[in-house]
Every structure is written in C-alpha cells, then in structure tokens.
Amino acid sequence: MAWEIKEEGNLLTVEVEGRLVAAVAPELRDEVLEKVGEGTNVLFDLGRMVHIDSSGLGVLVQILQKTKAGGGKVVLAALQPAPKIVFDITKVSRVFEIVPTVADAKF
C-alpha cells in the first residue's frame, strides 16, 4: 500500500493506493493526524484503494473524530465497489460523507 498527502491551505488530500489493512493503517493514521489541526479538512481520494479491513476503517474513523473535533470535515471520494461493500456491511458509510469523484468534494 502507498499513499501521498498533499497540503493546500486548510485542506489535506490523502491519495490511497492498494490495501488499507492492519499492517499499514497505523502508520497512515499517525502521518495524517500529525497534520490535522484546527479547521483542517481532509479529502481521501480512494480511487486506487482496492481493499480495506477493520483496522483501515478504524483509522478513517479516528481521523474523522479528530478532524470534526477541530472544526474540520472529512470527505471520502471515488470509493471503489469492493471496498464500498465493507463500508456498507459495517454501516460505516453512514458516518462519512462519500462522493463519487474528487471534484464532487465540497468544503
């Protein structure tokens, strides 16, 4: 798995590629959370994420909690069909704003 974080003003864009699983999820969490401050918004571009497990979901929820506590917003974009099944089965899709494309994300 790989990711790239881009910072533009109060927006972090996190592009995730591959499998967001227990082996790498804590590292992603730590890297994103050290950049989240007051009013930071986080956009996850998940167009190249092919799989997510419960650890990956947990990390996204932790990032959501810290971001919301600081007055920011988290949006998930371009969620692919296979990972979307995990979001739907676990009902985690109810707590996130999920948009079809990165361009559809509004902050």
C-alpha atoms as a PDB file:
ATOM      1  CA  MET A   1       0.000   0.000   0.000  1.00  0.00           C
ATOM      2  CA  ALA A   2       1.096   3.526  -0.700  1.00  0.00           C
ATOM      3  CA  TRP A   3      -0.286   6.979  -0.023  1.00  0.00           C
ATOM      4  CA  GLU A   4       0.501  10.568  -0.790  1.00  0.00           C
ATOM      5  CA  ILE A   5      -0.543  13.540   1.317  1.00  0.00           C
ATOM      6  CA  LYS A   6      -0.866  16.980  -0.250  1.00  0.00           C
ATOM      7  CA  GLU A   7      -1.390  20.102   1.853  1.00  0.00           C
ATOM      8  CA  GLU A   8      -3.122  23.147   0.379  1.00  0.00           C
ATOM      9  CA  GLY A   9      -4.132  25.724   2.966  1.00  0.00           C
ATOM     10  CA  ASN A  10      -6.512  24.039   5.399  1.00  0.00           C
ATOM     11  CA  LEU A  11      -7.086  21.029   3.095  1.00  0.00           C
ATOM     12  CA  LEU A  12      -5.211  17.734   3.296  1.00  0.00           C
ATOM     13  CA  THR A  13      -5.717  15.479   0.300  1.00  0.00           C
ATOM     14  CA  VAL A  14      -4.765  11.878   1.008  1.00  0.00           C
ATOM     15  CA  GLU A  15      -4.454   9.637  -2.049  1.00  0.00           C
ATOM     16  CA  VAL A  16      -4.580   5.974  -1.027  1.00  0.00           C
ATOM     17  CA  GLU A  17      -3.446   3.156  -3.311  1.00  0.00           C
ATOM     18  CA  GLY A  18      -3.676  -0.583  -2.691  1.00  0.00           C
ATOM     19  CA  ARG A  19      -4.829  -2.260   0.515  1.00  0.00           C
ATOM     20  CA  LEU A  20      -5.568  -0.260   3.677  1.00  0.00           C
ATOM     21  CA  VAL A  21      -5.045  -3.054   6.225  1.00  0.00           C
ATOM     22  CA  ALA A  22      -3.692  -3.625   9.742  1.00  0.00           C
ATOM     23  CA  ALA A  23      -0.054  -3.777   8.622  1.00  0.00           C
ATOM     24  CA  VAL A  24      -0.039  -0.173   7.347  1.00  0.00           C
ATOM     25  CA  ALA A  25      -3.112   1.552   8.781  1.00  0.00           C
ATOM     26  CA  PRO A  26      -1.452   2.863  11.993  1.00  0.00           C
ATOM     27  CA  GLU A  27       1.338   4.498  10.002  1.00  0.00           C
ATOM     28  CA  LEU A  28      -1.178   6.277   7.766  1.00  0.00           C
ATOM     29  CA  ARG A  29      -3.177   7.355  10.834  1.00  0.00           C
ATOM     30  CA  ASP A  30      -0.130   8.810  12.558  1.00  0.00           C
ATOM     31  CA  GLU A  31       1.032  10.690   9.467  1.00  0.00           C
ATOM     32  CA  VAL A  32      -2.398  12.221   8.810  1.00  0.00           C
ATOM     33  CA  LEU A  33      -3.188  13.047  12.449  1.00  0.00           C
ATOM     34  CA  GLU A  34       0.088  14.914  12.934  1.00  0.00           C
ATOM     35  CA  LYS A  35      -1.040  17.250  10.128  1.00  0.00           C
ATOM     36  CA  VAL A  36      -4.645  17.732  11.340  1.00  0.00           C
ATOM     37  CA  GLY A  37      -5.146  20.951  13.280  1.00  0.00           C
ATOM     38  CA  GLU A  38      -7.932  23.418  13.997  1.00  0.00           C
ATOM     39  CA  GLY A  39     -10.120  23.832  10.928  1.00  0.00           C
ATOM     40  CA  THR A  40      -8.296  21.241   8.842  1.00  0.00           C
ATOM     41  CA  ASN A  41     -10.390  19.446   6.229  1.00  0.00           C
ATOM     42  CA  VAL A  42      -9.361  16.017   4.930  1.00  0.00           C
ATOM     43  CA  LEU A  43     -10.188  14.635   1.492  1.00  0.00           C
ATOM     44  CA  PHE A  44      -9.455  10.949   0.944  1.00  0.00           C
ATOM     45  CA  ASP A  45      -9.044  10.059  -2.728  1.00  0.00           C
ATOM     46  CA  LEU A  46      -9.820   6.332  -2.659  1.00  0.00           C
ATOM     47  CA  GLY A  47      -9.948   5.761  -6.406  1.00  0.00           C
ATOM     48  CA  ARG A  48      -6.967   3.396  -6.274  1.00  0.00           C
ATOM     49  CA  MET A  49      -7.739   1.675  -2.964  1.00  0.00           C
ATOM     50  CA  VAL A  50      -8.643  -1.941  -3.733  1.00  0.00           C
ATOM     51  CA  HIS A  51      -9.287  -3.321  -0.221  1.00  0.00           C
ATOM     52  CA  ILE A  52      -9.879  -2.176   3.356  1.00  0.00           C
ATOM     53  CA  ASP A  53     -10.133  -4.194   6.573  1.00  0.00           C
ATOM     54  CA  SER A  54     -11.465  -3.306  10.030  1.00  0.00           C
ATOM     55  CA  SER A  55      -8.159  -1.683  11.010  1.00  0.00           C
ATOM     56  CA  GLY A  56      -8.331   0.566   7.976  1.00  0.00           C
ATOM     57  CA  LEU A  57     -11.916   1.508   8.808  1.00  0.00           C
ATOM     58  CA  GLY A  58     -10.882   2.242  12.383  1.00  0.00           C
ATOM     59  CA  VAL A  59      -8.133   4.568  11.221  1.00  0.00           C
ATOM     60  CA  LEU A  60     -10.530   6.502   8.990  1.00  0.00           C
ATOM     61  CA  VAL A  61     -12.954   6.850  11.915  1.00  0.00           C
ATOM     62  CA  GLN A  62     -10.151   8.092  14.217  1.00  0.00           C
ATOM     63  CA  ILE A  63      -9.158  10.690  11.623  1.00  0.00           C
ATOM     64  CA  LEU A  64     -12.820  11.702  11.268  1.00  0.00           C
ATOM     65  CA  GLN A  65     -13.180  12.148  15.033  1.00  0.00           C
ATOM     66  CA  LYS A  66     -10.085  14.334  15.415  1.00  0.00           C
ATOM     67  CA  THR A  67     -10.937  16.386  12.338  1.00  0.00           C
ATOM     68  CA  LYS A  68     -14.512  17.028  13.478  1.00  0.00           C
ATOM     69  CA  ALA A  69     -13.320  17.900  16.992  1.00  0.00           C
ATOM     70  CA  GLY A  70     -11.117  20.594  15.427  1.00  0.00           C
ATOM     71  CA  GLY A  71     -13.977  22.015  13.374  1.00  0.00           C
ATOM     72  CA  GLY A  72     -12.999  20.340  10.119  1.00  0.00           C
ATOM     73  CA  LYS A  73     -14.650  17.934   7.740  1.00  0.00           C
ATOM     74  CA  VAL A  74     -13.683  14.580   6.166  1.00  0.00           C
ATOM     75  CA  VAL A  75     -14.865  13.539   2.712  1.00  0.00           C
ATOM     76  CA  LEU A  76     -14.213  10.194   1.024  1.00  0.00           C
ATOM     77  CA  ALA A  77     -14.085  10.330  -2.770  1.00  0.00           C
ATOM     78  CA  ALA A  78     -14.042   7.745  -5.556  1.00  0.00           C
ATOM     79  CA  LEU A  79     -14.705   4.746  -3.281  1.00  0.00           C
ATOM     80  CA  GLN A  80     -14.420   1.631  -5.453  1.00  0.00           C
ATOM     81  CA  PRO A  81     -17.023  -1.188  -5.475  1.00  0.00           C
ATOM     82  CA  ALA A  82     -15.070  -3.833  -3.499  1.00  0.00           C
ATOM     83  CA  PRO A  83     -14.117  -1.559  -0.569  1.00  0.00           C
ATOM     84  CA  LYS A  84     -17.601   0.017  -0.675  1.00  0.00           C
ATOM     85  CA  ILE A  85     -19.085  -3.364   0.247  1.00  0.00           C
ATOM     86  CA  VAL A  86     -17.069  -3.303   3.505  1.00  0.00           C
ATOM     87  CA  PHE A  87     -18.298   0.231   4.261  1.00  0.00           C
ATOM     88  CA  ASP A  88     -21.903  -0.803   3.608  1.00  0.00           C
ATOM     89  CA  ILE A  89     -21.834  -4.098   5.539  1.00  0.00           C
ATOM     90  CA  THR A  90     -20.292  -2.432   8.604  1.00  0.00           C
ATOM     91  CA  LYS A  91     -22.551   0.613   8.194  1.00  0.00           C
ATOM     92  CA  VAL A  92     -19.501   2.885   8.422  1.00  0.00           C
ATOM     93  CA  SER A  93     -20.763   4.525   5.238  1.00  0.00           C
ATOM     94  CA  ARG A  94     -23.396   6.231   7.426  1.00  0.00           C
ATOM     95  CA  VAL A  95     -20.819   8.295   9.321  1.00  0.00           C
ATOM     96  CA  PHE A  96     -18.846   9.565   6.320  1.00  0.00           C
ATOM     97  CA  GLU A  97     -19.672  11.908   3.504  1.00  0.00           C
ATOM     98  CA  ILE A  98     -18.904   9.842   0.399  1.00  0.00           C
ATOM     99  CA  VAL A  99     -18.852  11.465  -3.041  1.00  0.00           C
ATOM    100  CA  PRO A 100     -18.395   9.880  -6.483  1.00  0.00           C
ATOM    101  CA  THR A 101     -15.303  11.871  -7.522  1.00  0.00           C
ATOM    102  CA  VAL A 102     -12.669  14.147  -6.013  1.00  0.00           C
ATOM    103  CA  ALA A 103     -14.204  17.037  -7.959  1.00  0.00           C
ATOM    104  CA  ASP A 104     -17.523  16.461  -6.140  1.00  0.00           C
ATOM    105  CA  ALA A 105     -15.998  17.130  -2.703  1.00  0.00           C
ATOM    106  CA  LYS A 106     -17.153  20.439  -1.224  1.00  0.00           C
ATOM    107  CA  PHE A 107     -15.610  22.081   1.825  1.00  0.00           C
END
